[in-house]
C-alpha cells in the first residue's frame, strides 16, 4: 500500500473514530451487559467482573460453542429426517419451522 493511501486511511479512520467516540463508562456498561448474556459456566472462574479482554474471550468462546451446537443439531435433524418415514408435507412443515 502506498504511503499516501495509508495516510488517507489513517485520517479516515481517525475522523470516523472521533465522530463515534464512546466513553469508558459506556464501554464498561456495554461489557457488563455482554457479560450478563453469558451463561455462568462461560464466565472465567465464575467471575462477575472481568477484564474487557476476558469478557470478549468468553463471549467468543460461547458463540463458538453455540455454532457447534447448531451444527450438531442440524446433523441430528438431517439424520432423523432421512431415516424417519416423513411425508413431503411434513418435511415442508419442518423446513418452514427451521427458517
PDB file of N, CA and C in Angstrom:
ATOM      1  N   UNK A   1       0.857  -1.166   0.000  1.00  0.00           N
ATOM      2  CA  UNK A   1       0.000   0.000   0.000  1.00  0.00           C
ATOM      3  C   UNK A   1       0.902   1.226   0.000  1.00  0.00           C
ATOM      4  N   UNK A   2       0.575   2.207  -0.789  1.00  0.00           N
ATOM      5  CA  UNK A   2       1.383   3.418  -0.881  1.00  0.00           C
ATOM      6  C   UNK A   2       1.234   4.240   0.388  1.00  0.00           C
ATOM      7  N   UNK A   3       2.244   5.095   0.649  1.00  0.00           N
ATOM      8  CA  UNK A   3       2.210   5.891   1.877  1.00  0.00           C
ATOM      9  C   UNK A   3       1.053   6.889   1.858  1.00  0.00           C
ATOM     10  N   UNK A   4       0.725   7.453   0.686  1.00  0.00           N
ATOM     11  CA  UNK A   4      -0.393   8.403   0.640  1.00  0.00           C
ATOM     12  C   UNK A   4      -1.713   7.700   0.935  1.00  0.00           C
ATOM     13  N   UNK A   5      -1.848   6.470   0.461  1.00  0.00           N
ATOM     14  CA  UNK A   5      -3.078   5.729   0.730  1.00  0.00           C
ATOM     15  C   UNK A   5      -3.168   5.379   2.216  1.00  0.00           C
ATOM     16  N   UNK A   6      -2.027   5.006   2.817  1.00  0.00           N
ATOM     17  CA  UNK A   6      -2.028   4.709   4.246  1.00  0.00           C
ATOM     18  C   UNK A   6      -2.420   5.928   5.063  1.00  0.00           C
ATOM     19  N   UNK A   7      -1.896   7.082   4.700  1.00  0.00           N
ATOM     20  CA  UNK A   7      -2.225   8.280   5.478  1.00  0.00           C
ATOM     21  C   UNK A   7      -3.698   8.648   5.303  1.00  0.00           C
ATOM     22  N   UNK A   8      -4.239   8.459   4.093  1.00  0.00           N
ATOM     23  CA  UNK A   8      -5.678   8.719   3.897  1.00  0.00           C
ATOM     24  C   UNK A   8      -6.503   7.757   4.727  1.00  0.00           C
ATOM     25  N   UNK A   9      -6.065   6.490   4.768  1.00  0.00           N
ATOM     26  CA  UNK A   9      -6.787   5.503   5.553  1.00  0.00           C
ATOM     27  C   UNK A   9      -6.750   5.870   7.027  1.00  0.00           C
ATOM     28  N   UNK A  10      -5.599   6.294   7.512  1.00  0.00           N
ATOM     29  CA  UNK A  10      -5.484   6.714   8.906  1.00  0.00           C
ATOM     30  C   UNK A  10      -6.385   7.910   9.192  1.00  0.00           C
ATOM     31  N   UNK A  11      -6.356   8.897   8.302  1.00  0.00           N
ATOM     32  CA  UNK A  11      -7.196  10.086   8.507  1.00  0.00           C
ATOM     33  C   UNK A  11      -8.669   9.701   8.518  1.00  0.00           C
ATOM     34  N   UNK A  12      -9.061   8.858   7.578  1.00  0.00           N
ATOM     35  CA  UNK A  12     -10.466   8.440   7.526  1.00  0.00           C
ATOM     36  C   UNK A  12     -10.831   7.682   8.793  1.00  0.00           C
ATOM     37  N   UNK A  13      -9.950   6.815   9.237  1.00  0.00           N
ATOM     38  CA  UNK A  13     -10.209   6.065  10.454  1.00  0.00           C
ATOM     39  C   UNK A  13     -10.268   6.939  11.679  1.00  0.00           C
ATOM     40  N   UNK A  14      -9.382   7.934  11.756  1.00  0.00           N
ATOM     41  CA  UNK A  14      -9.390   8.803  12.927  1.00  0.00           C
ATOM     42  C   UNK A  14     -10.617   9.690  12.948  1.00  0.00           C
ATOM     43  N   UNK A  15     -11.055  10.172  11.791  1.00  0.00           N
ATOM     44  CA  UNK A  15     -12.261  11.007  11.786  1.00  0.00           C
ATOM     45  C   UNK A  15     -13.486  10.168  12.123  1.00  0.00           C
ATOM     46  N   UNK A  16     -13.494   8.910  11.680  1.00  0.00           N
ATOM     47  CA  UNK A  16     -14.607   8.033  11.998  1.00  0.00           C
ATOM     48  C   UNK A  16     -14.639   7.745  13.491  1.00  0.00           C
ATOM     49  N   UNK A  17     -13.474   7.439  14.066  1.00  0.00           N
ATOM     50  CA  UNK A  17     -13.462   7.115  15.484  1.00  0.00           C
ATOM     51  C   UNK A  17     -13.801   8.330  16.343  1.00  0.00           C
ATOM     52  N   UNK A  18     -13.380   9.513  15.930  1.00  0.00           N
ATOM     53  CA  UNK A  18     -13.695  10.686  16.739  1.00  0.00           C
ATOM     54  C   UNK A  18     -15.179  11.033  16.657  1.00  0.00           C
ATOM     55  N   UNK A  19     -15.818  10.753  15.527  1.00  0.00           N
ATOM     56  CA  UNK A  19     -17.241  11.056  15.408  1.00  0.00           C
ATOM     57  C   UNK A  19     -18.094  10.018  16.138  1.00  0.00           C
ATOM     58  N   UNK A  20     -17.513   8.881  16.428  1.00  0.00           N
ATOM     59  CA  UNK A  20     -18.243   7.833  17.135  1.00  0.00           C
ATOM     60  C   UNK A  20     -17.583   7.513  18.466  1.00  0.00           C
ATOM     61  N   UNK A  21     -17.014   8.490  19.094  1.00  0.00           N
ATOM     62  CA  UNK A  21     -16.302   8.238  20.338  1.00  0.00           C
ATOM     63  C   UNK A  21     -17.275   7.737  21.392  1.00  0.00           C
ATOM     64  N   UNK A  22     -16.756   6.891  22.226  1.00  0.00           N
ATOM     65  CA  UNK A  22     -17.562   6.285  23.269  1.00  0.00           C
ATOM     66  C   UNK A  22     -16.771   6.387  24.562  1.00  0.00           C
ATOM     67  N   UNK A  23     -17.437   6.724  25.612  1.00  0.00           N
ATOM     68  CA  UNK A  23     -16.751   6.924  26.887  1.00  0.00           C
ATOM     69  C   UNK A  23     -16.394   5.581  27.515  1.00  0.00           C
ATOM     70  N   UNK A  24     -15.434   5.639  28.424  1.00  0.00           N
ATOM     71  CA  UNK A  24     -15.048   4.420  29.134  1.00  0.00           C
ATOM     72  C   UNK A  24     -16.214   3.891  29.957  1.00  0.00           C
ATOM     73  N   UNK A  25     -17.030   4.789  30.460  1.00  0.00           N
ATOM     74  CA  UNK A  25     -18.210   4.376  31.226  1.00  0.00           C
ATOM     75  C   UNK A  25     -19.183   3.595  30.337  1.00  0.00           C
ATOM     76  N   UNK A  26     -19.372   4.068  29.097  1.00  0.00           N
ATOM     77  CA  UNK A  26     -20.256   3.372  28.166  1.00  0.00           C
ATOM     78  C   UNK A  26     -19.680   2.006  27.805  1.00  0.00           C
ATOM     79  N   UNK A  27     -18.371   1.953  27.608  1.00  0.00           N
ATOM     80  CA  UNK A  27     -17.730   0.672  27.304  1.00  0.00           C
ATOM     81  C   UNK A  27     -17.924  -0.288  28.463  1.00  0.00           C
ATOM     82  N   UNK A  28     -17.717   0.192  29.658  1.00  0.00           N
ATOM     83  CA  UNK A  28     -17.889  -0.643  30.849  1.00  0.00           C
ATOM     84  C   UNK A  28     -19.323  -1.153  30.958  1.00  0.00           C
ATOM     85  N   UNK A  29     -20.281  -0.266  30.680  1.00  0.00           N
ATOM     86  CA  UNK A  29     -21.689  -0.661  30.734  1.00  0.00           C
ATOM     87  C   UNK A  29     -22.007  -1.723  29.676  1.00  0.00           C
ATOM     88  N   UNK A  30     -21.480  -1.523  28.470  1.00  0.00           N
ATOM     89  CA  UNK A  30     -21.711  -2.499  27.404  1.00  0.00           C
ATOM     90  C   UNK A  30     -21.061  -3.842  27.721  1.00  0.00           C
ATOM     91  N   UNK A  31     -19.878  -3.813  28.305  1.00  0.00           N
ATOM     92  CA  UNK A  31     -19.213  -5.060  28.696  1.00  0.00           C
ATOM     93  C   UNK A  31     -20.011  -5.781  29.778  1.00  0.00           C
ATOM     94  N   UNK A  32     -20.563  -5.022  30.705  1.00  0.00           N
ATOM     95  CA  UNK A  32     -21.390  -5.634  31.754  1.00  0.00           C
ATOM     96  C   UNK A  32     -22.630  -6.288  31.155  1.00  0.00           C
ATOM     97  N   UNK A  33     -23.245  -5.598  30.203  1.00  0.00           N
ATOM     98  CA  UNK A  33     -24.429  -6.168  29.543  1.00  0.00           C
ATOM     99  C   UNK A  33     -24.060  -7.425  28.761  1.00  0.00           C
ATOM    100  N   UNK A  34     -22.920  -7.378  28.080  1.00  0.00           N
ATOM    101  CA  UNK A  34     -22.458  -8.534  27.322  1.00  0.00           C
ATOM    102  C   UNK A  34     -22.179  -9.705  28.244  1.00  0.00           C
ATOM    103  N   UNK A  35     -21.517  -9.426  29.351  1.00  0.00           N
ATOM    104  CA  UNK A  35     -21.201 -10.491  30.293  1.00  0.00           C
ATOM    105  C   UNK A  35     -22.472 -11.083  30.895  1.00  0.00           C
ATOM    106  N   UNK A  36     -23.491 -10.248  31.098  1.00  0.00           N
ATOM    107  CA  UNK A  36     -24.751 -10.735  31.655  1.00  0.00           C
ATOM    108  C   UNK A  36     -25.454 -11.708  30.713  1.00  0.00           C
ATOM    109  N   UNK A  37     -25.162 -11.611  29.427  1.00  0.00           N
ATOM    110  CA  UNK A  37     -25.768 -12.518  28.453  1.00  0.00           C
ATOM    111  C   UNK A  37     -25.121 -13.898  28.457  1.00  0.00           C
ATOM    112  N   UNK A  38     -23.918 -13.983  29.005  1.00  0.00           N
ATOM    113  CA  UNK A  38     -23.199 -15.255  29.026  1.00  0.00           C
ATOM    114  C   UNK A  38     -23.722 -16.133  30.144  1.00  0.00           C
ATOM    115  N   UNK A  39     -23.841 -17.439  29.870  1.00  0.00           N
ATOM    116  CA  UNK A  39     -24.215 -18.330  30.974  1.00  0.00           C
ATOM    117  C   UNK A  39     -23.089 -18.333  32.012  1.00  0.00           C
ATOM    118  N   UNK A  40     -23.439 -18.585  33.226  1.00  0.00           N
ATOM    119  CA  UNK A  40     -22.460 -18.543  34.322  1.00  0.00           C
ATOM    120  C   UNK A  40     -21.266 -19.461  34.047  1.00  0.00           C
ATOM    121  N   UNK A  41     -21.517 -20.597  33.407  1.00  0.00           N
ATOM    122  CA  UNK A  41     -20.428 -21.536  33.126  1.00  0.00           C
ATOM    123  C   UNK A  41     -19.433 -20.987  32.106  1.00  0.00           C
ATOM    124  N   UNK A  42     -19.826 -19.976  31.329  1.00  0.00           N
ATOM    125  CA  UNK A  42     -18.931 -19.416  30.317  1.00  0.00           C
ATOM    126  C   UNK A  42     -18.041 -18.315  30.880  1.00  0.00           C
ATOM    127  N   UNK A  43     -18.391 -17.765  32.027  1.00  0.00           N
ATOM    128  CA  UNK A  43     -17.565 -16.701  32.574  1.00  0.00           C
ATOM    129  C   UNK A  43     -16.355 -17.309  33.236  1.00  0.00           C
ATOM    130  N   UNK A  44     -15.241 -16.647  33.101  1.00  0.00           N
ATOM    131  CA  UNK A  44     -13.964 -17.143  33.596  1.00  0.00           C
ATOM    132  C   UNK A  44     -13.997 -17.307  35.109  1.00  0.00           C
ATOM    133  N   UNK A  45     -13.913 -18.556  35.567  1.00  0.00           N
ATOM    134  CA  UNK A  45     -13.911 -18.876  37.001  1.00  0.00           C
ATOM    135  C   UNK A  45     -15.109 -18.281  37.730  1.00  0.00           C
ATOM    136  N   UNK A  46     -16.216 -18.101  37.019  1.00  0.00           N
ATOM    137  CA  UNK A  46     -17.418 -17.563  37.635  1.00  0.00           C
ATOM    138  C   UNK A  46     -17.288 -16.113  38.069  1.00  0.00           C
ATOM    139  N   UNK A  47     -16.271 -15.427  37.582  1.00  0.00           N
ATOM    140  CA  UNK A  47     -16.052 -14.029  37.982  1.00  0.00           C
ATOM    141  C   UNK A  47     -17.187 -13.162  37.462  1.00  0.00           C
ATOM    142  N   UNK A  48     -17.640 -12.268  38.296  1.00  0.00           N
ATOM    143  CA  UNK A  48     -18.723 -11.378  37.875  1.00  0.00           C
ATOM    144  C   UNK A  48     -18.183 -10.178  37.113  1.00  0.00           C
ATOM    145  N   UNK A  49     -17.012  -9.709  37.458  1.00  0.00           N
ATOM    146  CA  UNK A  49     -16.429  -8.550  36.786  1.00  0.00           C
ATOM    147  C   UNK A  49     -15.073  -8.956  36.243  1.00  0.00           C
ATOM    148  N   UNK A  50     -14.997  -9.120  34.957  1.00  0.00           N
ATOM    149  CA  UNK A  50     -13.731  -9.481  34.364  1.00  0.00           C
ATOM    150  C   UNK A  50     -13.181  -8.333  33.557  1.00  0.00           C
ATOM    151  N   UNK A  51     -11.977  -8.525  33.086  1.00  0.00           N
ATOM    152  CA  UNK A  51     -11.399  -7.517  32.209  1.00  0.00           C
ATOM    153  C   UNK A  51     -12.154  -7.538  30.889  1.00  0.00           C
ATOM    154  N   UNK A  52     -12.013  -6.466  30.138  1.00  0.00           N
ATOM    155  CA  UNK A  52     -12.673  -6.396  28.837  1.00  0.00           C
ATOM    156  C   UNK A  52     -12.204  -7.548  27.951  1.00  0.00           C
ATOM    157  N   UNK A  53     -10.916  -7.832  27.982  1.00  0.00           N
ATOM    158  CA  UNK A  53     -10.376  -8.918  27.163  1.00  0.00           C
ATOM    159  C   UNK A  53     -10.995 -10.252  27.558  1.00  0.00           C
ATOM    160  N   UNK A  54     -11.133 -10.488  28.855  1.00  0.00           N
ATOM    161  CA  UNK A  54     -11.701 -11.760  29.333  1.00  0.00           C
ATOM    162  C   UNK A  54     -13.159 -11.880  28.908  1.00  0.00           C
ATOM    163  N   UNK A  55     -13.916 -10.803  29.035  1.00  0.00           N
ATOM    164  CA  UNK A  55     -15.330 -10.823  28.639  1.00  0.00           C
ATOM    165  C   UNK A  55     -15.444 -11.127  27.149  1.00  0.00           C
ATOM    166  N   UNK A  56     -14.601 -10.485  26.340  1.00  0.00           N
ATOM    167  CA  UNK A  56     -14.644 -10.728  24.892  1.00  0.00           C
ATOM    168  C   UNK A  56     -14.207 -12.148  24.553  1.00  0.00           C
ATOM    169  N   UNK A  57     -13.197 -12.660  25.244  1.00  0.00           N
ATOM    170  CA  UNK A  57     -12.771 -14.048  25.010  1.00  0.00           C
ATOM    171  C   UNK A  57     -13.881 -15.020  25.381  1.00  0.00           C
ATOM    172  N   UNK A  58     -14.507 -14.803  26.537  1.00  0.00           N
ATOM    173  CA  UNK A  58     -15.604 -15.664  26.966  1.00  0.00           C
ATOM    174  C   UNK A  58     -16.769 -15.601  25.980  1.00  0.00           C
ATOM    175  N   UNK A  59     -17.052 -14.408  25.482  1.00  0.00           N
ATOM    176  CA  UNK A  59     -18.143 -14.239  24.520  1.00  0.00           C
ATOM    177  C   UNK A  59     -17.841 -14.989  23.232  1.00  0.00           C
ATOM    178  N   UNK A  60     -16.628 -14.847  22.733  1.00  0.00           N
ATOM    179  CA  UNK A  60     -16.231 -15.564  21.508  1.00  0.00           C
ATOM    180  C   UNK A  60     -16.310 -17.068  21.706  1.00  0.00           C
ATOM    181  N   UNK A  61     -15.856 -17.528  22.844  1.00  0.00           N
ATOM    182  CA  UNK A  61     -15.906 -18.953  23.151  1.00  0.00           C
ATOM    183  C   UNK A  61     -17.350 -19.448  23.191  1.00  0.00           C
ATOM    184  N   UNK A  62     -18.219 -18.667  23.803  1.00  0.00           N
ATOM    185  CA  UNK A  62     -19.627 -19.037  23.893  1.00  0.00           C
ATOM    186  C   UNK A  62     -20.273 -19.065  22.512  1.00  0.00           C
ATOM    187  N   UNK A  63     -19.974 -18.096  21.686  1.00  0.00           N
ATOM    188  CA  UNK A  63     -20.526 -18.063  20.325  1.00  0.00           C
ATOM    189  C   UNK A  63     -20.045 -19.278  19.537  1.00  0.00           C
ATOM    190  N   UNK A  64     -18.756 -19.625  19.684  1.00  0.00           N
ATOM    191  CA  UNK A  64     -18.240 -20.821  19.008  1.00  0.00           C
ATOM    192  C   UNK A  64     -18.992 -22.073  19.470  1.00  0.00           C
ATOM    193  N   UNK A  65     -19.249 -22.167  20.778  1.00  0.00           N
ATOM    194  CA  UNK A  65     -19.962 -23.336  21.289  1.00  0.00           C
ATOM    195  C   UNK A  65     -21.399 -23.371  20.763  1.00  0.00           C
ATOM    196  N   UNK A  66     -22.023 -22.205  20.627  1.00  0.00           N
ATOM    197  CA  UNK A  66     -23.376 -22.164  20.061  1.00  0.00           C
ATOM    198  C   UNK A  66     -23.376 -22.607  18.598  1.00  0.00           C
ATOM    199  N   UNK A  67     -22.368 -22.160  17.842  1.00  0.00           N
ATOM    200  CA  UNK A  67     -22.256 -22.598  16.444  1.00  0.00           C
ATOM    201  C   UNK A  67     -22.089 -24.105  16.367  1.00  0.00           C
ATOM    202  N   UNK A  68     -21.271 -24.663  17.246  1.00  0.00           N
ATOM    203  CA  UNK A  68     -21.057 -26.114  17.257  1.00  0.00           C
ATOM    204  C   UNK A  68     -22.349 -26.842  17.607  1.00  0.00           C
ATOM    205  N   UNK A  69     -23.085 -26.308  18.560  1.00  0.00           N
ATOM    206  CA  UNK A  69     -24.351 -26.919  18.951  1.00  0.00           C
ATOM    207  C   UNK A  69     -25.355 -26.888  17.795  1.00  0.00           C
ATOM    208  N   UNK A  70     -25.420 -25.781  17.073  1.00  0.00           N
ATOM    209  CA  UNK A  70     -26.307 -25.678  15.910  1.00  0.00           C
ATOM    210  C   UNK A  70     -25.900 -26.704  14.854  1.00  0.00           C
ATOM    211  N   UNK A  71     -24.599 -26.820  14.596  1.00  0.00           N
ATOM    212  CA  UNK A  71     -24.119 -27.798  13.617  1.00  0.00           C
ATOM    213  C   UNK A  71     -24.506 -29.215  14.027  1.00  0.00           C
ATOM    214  N   UNK A  72     -24.306 -29.538  15.302  1.00  0.00           N
ATOM    215  CA  UNK A  72     -24.642 -30.883  15.787  1.00  0.00           C
ATOM    216  C   UNK A  72     -26.141 -31.148  15.682  1.00  0.00           C
ATOM    217  N   UNK A  73     -26.948 -30.175  16.061  1.00  0.00           N
ATOM    218  CA  UNK A  73     -28.395 -30.350  15.975  1.00  0.00           C
ATOM    219  C   UNK A  73     -28.868 -30.461  14.524  1.00  0.00           C
ATOM    220  N   UNK A  74     -28.233 -29.715  13.643  1.00  0.00           N
ATOM    221  CA  UNK A  74     -28.583 -29.798  12.221  1.00  0.00           C
ATOM    222  C   UNK A  74     -28.272 -31.180  11.668  1.00  0.00           C
ATOM    223  N   UNK A  75     -27.119 -31.711  12.042  1.00  0.00           N
ATOM    224  CA  UNK A  75     -26.753 -33.061  11.589  1.00  0.00           C
ATOM    225  C   UNK A  75     -27.733 -34.092  12.137  1.00  0.00           C
ATOM    226  N   UNK A  76     -28.071 -33.964  13.410  1.00  0.00           N
ATOM    227  CA  UNK A  76     -29.017 -34.901  14.026  1.00  0.00           C
ATOM    228  C   UNK A  76     -30.374 -34.826  13.339  1.00  0.00           C
ATOM    229  N   UNK A  77     -30.838 -33.632  13.069  1.00  0.00           N
ATOM    230  CA  UNK A  77     -32.121 -33.456  12.392  1.00  0.00           C
ATOM    231  C   UNK A  77     -32.083 -34.046  10.990  1.00  0.00           C
ATOM    232  N   UNK A  78     -31.004 -33.814  10.279  1.00  0.00           N
ATOM    233  CA  UNK A  78     -30.876 -34.366   8.922  1.00  0.00           C
ATOM    234  C   UNK A  78     -30.913 -35.888   8.962  1.00  0.00           C
ATOM    235  N   UNK A  79     -30.235 -36.477   9.937  1.00  0.00           N
ATOM    236  CA  UNK A  79     -30.245 -37.938  10.077  1.00  0.00           C
ATOM    237  C   UNK A  79     -31.651 -38.439  10.399  1.00  0.00           C
ATOM    238  N   UNK A  80     -32.333 -37.743  11.301  1.00  0.00           N
ATOM    239  CA  UNK A  80     -33.696 -38.146  11.665  1.00  0.00           C
ATOM    240  C   UNK A  80     -34.646 -38.029  10.484  1.00  0.00           C
ATOM    241  N   UNK A  81     -34.528 -36.946   9.742  1.00  0.00           N
ATOM    242  CA  UNK A  81     -35.413 -36.763   8.592  1.00  0.00           C
ATOM    243  C   UNK A  81     -35.149 -37.792   7.509  1.00  0.00           C
ATOM    244  N   UNK A  82     -33.895 -38.170   7.341  1.00  0.00           N
ATOM    245  CA  UNK A  82     -33.581 -39.138   6.294  1.00  0.00           C
ATOM    246  C   UNK A  82     -33.969 -40.557   6.697  1.00  0.00           C
ATOM    247  N   UNK A  83     -33.974 -40.844   7.992  1.00  0.00           N
ATOM    248  CA  UNK A  83     -34.290 -42.202   8.431  1.00  0.00           C
ATOM    249  C   UNK A  83     -35.758 -42.376   8.785  1.00  0.00           C
ATOM    250  N   UNK A  84     -36.457 -41.303   9.089  1.00  0.00           N
ATOM    251  CA  UNK A  84     -37.855 -41.392   9.502  1.00  0.00           C
ATOM    252  C   UNK A  84     -38.764 -41.460   8.283  1.00  0.00           C
ATOM    253  N   UNK A  85     -39.940 -41.957   8.529  1.00  0.00           N
ATOM    254  CA  UNK A  85     -40.956 -42.017   7.486  1.00  0.00           C
ATOM    255  C   UNK A  85     -41.705 -40.685   7.502  1.00  0.00           C
ATOM    256  N   UNK A  86     -41.121 -39.715   6.807  1.00  0.00           N
ATOM    257  CA  UNK A  86     -41.675 -38.364   6.799  1.00  0.00           C
ATOM    258  C   UNK A  86     -42.240 -38.084   5.414  1.00  0.00           C
ATOM    259  N   UNK A  87     -43.497 -37.630   5.398  1.00  0.00           N
ATOM    260  CA  UNK A  87     -44.098 -37.281   4.117  1.00  0.00           C
ATOM    261  C   UNK A  87     -43.530 -35.950   3.652  1.00  0.00           C
ATOM    262  N   UNK A  88     -43.706 -35.659   2.383  1.00  0.00           N
ATOM    263  CA  UNK A  88     -43.189 -34.389   1.856  1.00  0.00           C
ATOM    264  C   UNK A  88     -43.895 -33.198   2.510  1.00  0.00           C
ATOM    265  N   UNK A  89     -45.165 -33.366   2.858  1.00  0.00           N
ATOM    266  CA  UNK A  89     -45.881 -32.287   3.551  1.00  0.00           C
ATOM    267  C   UNK A  89     -45.288 -32.043   4.937  1.00  0.00           C
ATOM    268  N   UNK A  90     -44.995 -33.123   5.656  1.00  0.00           N
ATOM    269  CA  UNK A  90     -44.388 -32.993   6.974  1.00  0.00           C
ATOM    270  C   UNK A  90     -42.994 -32.377   6.877  1.00  0.00           C
ATOM    271  N   UNK A  91     -42.241 -32.803   5.876  1.00  0.00           N
ATOM    272  CA  UNK A  91     -40.894 -32.262   5.677  1.00  0.00           C
ATOM    273  C   UNK A  91     -40.963 -30.772   5.376  1.00  0.00           C
ATOM    274  N   UNK A  92     -41.956 -30.360   4.590  1.00  0.00           N
ATOM    275  CA  UNK A  92     -42.116 -28.934   4.266  1.00  0.00           C
ATOM    276  C   UNK A  92     -42.433 -28.128   5.524  1.00  0.00           C
ATOM    277  N   UNK A  93     -43.261 -28.682   6.393  1.00  0.00           N
ATOM    278  CA  UNK A  93     -43.588 -28.001   7.641  1.00  0.00           C
ATOM    279  C   UNK A  93     -42.336 -27.866   8.509  1.00  0.00           C
ATOM    280  N   UNK A  94     -41.562 -28.927   8.599  1.00  0.00           N
ATOM    281  CA  UNK A  94     -40.333 -28.885   9.399  1.00  0.00           C
ATOM    282  C   UNK A  94     -39.367 -27.863   8.836  1.00  0.00           C
ATOM    283  N   UNK A  95     -39.193 -27.859   7.510  1.00  0.00           N
ATOM    284  CA  UNK A  95     -38.301 -26.891   6.893  1.00  0.00           C
ATOM    285  C   UNK A  95     -38.764 -25.451   7.149  1.00  0.00           C
ATOM    286  N   UNK A  96     -40.058 -25.213   7.087  1.00  0.00           N
ATOM    287  CA  UNK A  96     -40.572 -23.849   7.312  1.00  0.00           C
ATOM    288  C   UNK A  96     -40.346 -23.424   8.767  1.00  0.00           C
ATOM    289  N   UNK A  97     -40.408 -24.359   9.700  1.00  0.00           N
ATOM    290  CA  UNK A  97     -40.171 -24.033  11.101  1.00  0.00           C
ATOM    291  C   UNK A  97     -38.691 -23.711  11.354  1.00  0.00           C
ATOM    292  N   UNK A  98     -37.828 -24.290  10.563  1.00  0.00           N
ATOM    293  CA  UNK A  98     -36.388 -24.085  10.751  1.00  0.00           C
ATOM    294  C   UNK A  98     -35.906 -22.780  10.133  1.00  0.00           C
ATOM    295  N   UNK A  99     -36.686 -22.176   9.278  1.00  0.00           N
ATOM    296  CA  UNK A  99     -36.243 -20.953   8.613  1.00  0.00           C
ATOM    297  C   UNK A  99     -36.655 -19.736   9.358  1.00  0.00           C
TER     298      UNK A  99
END
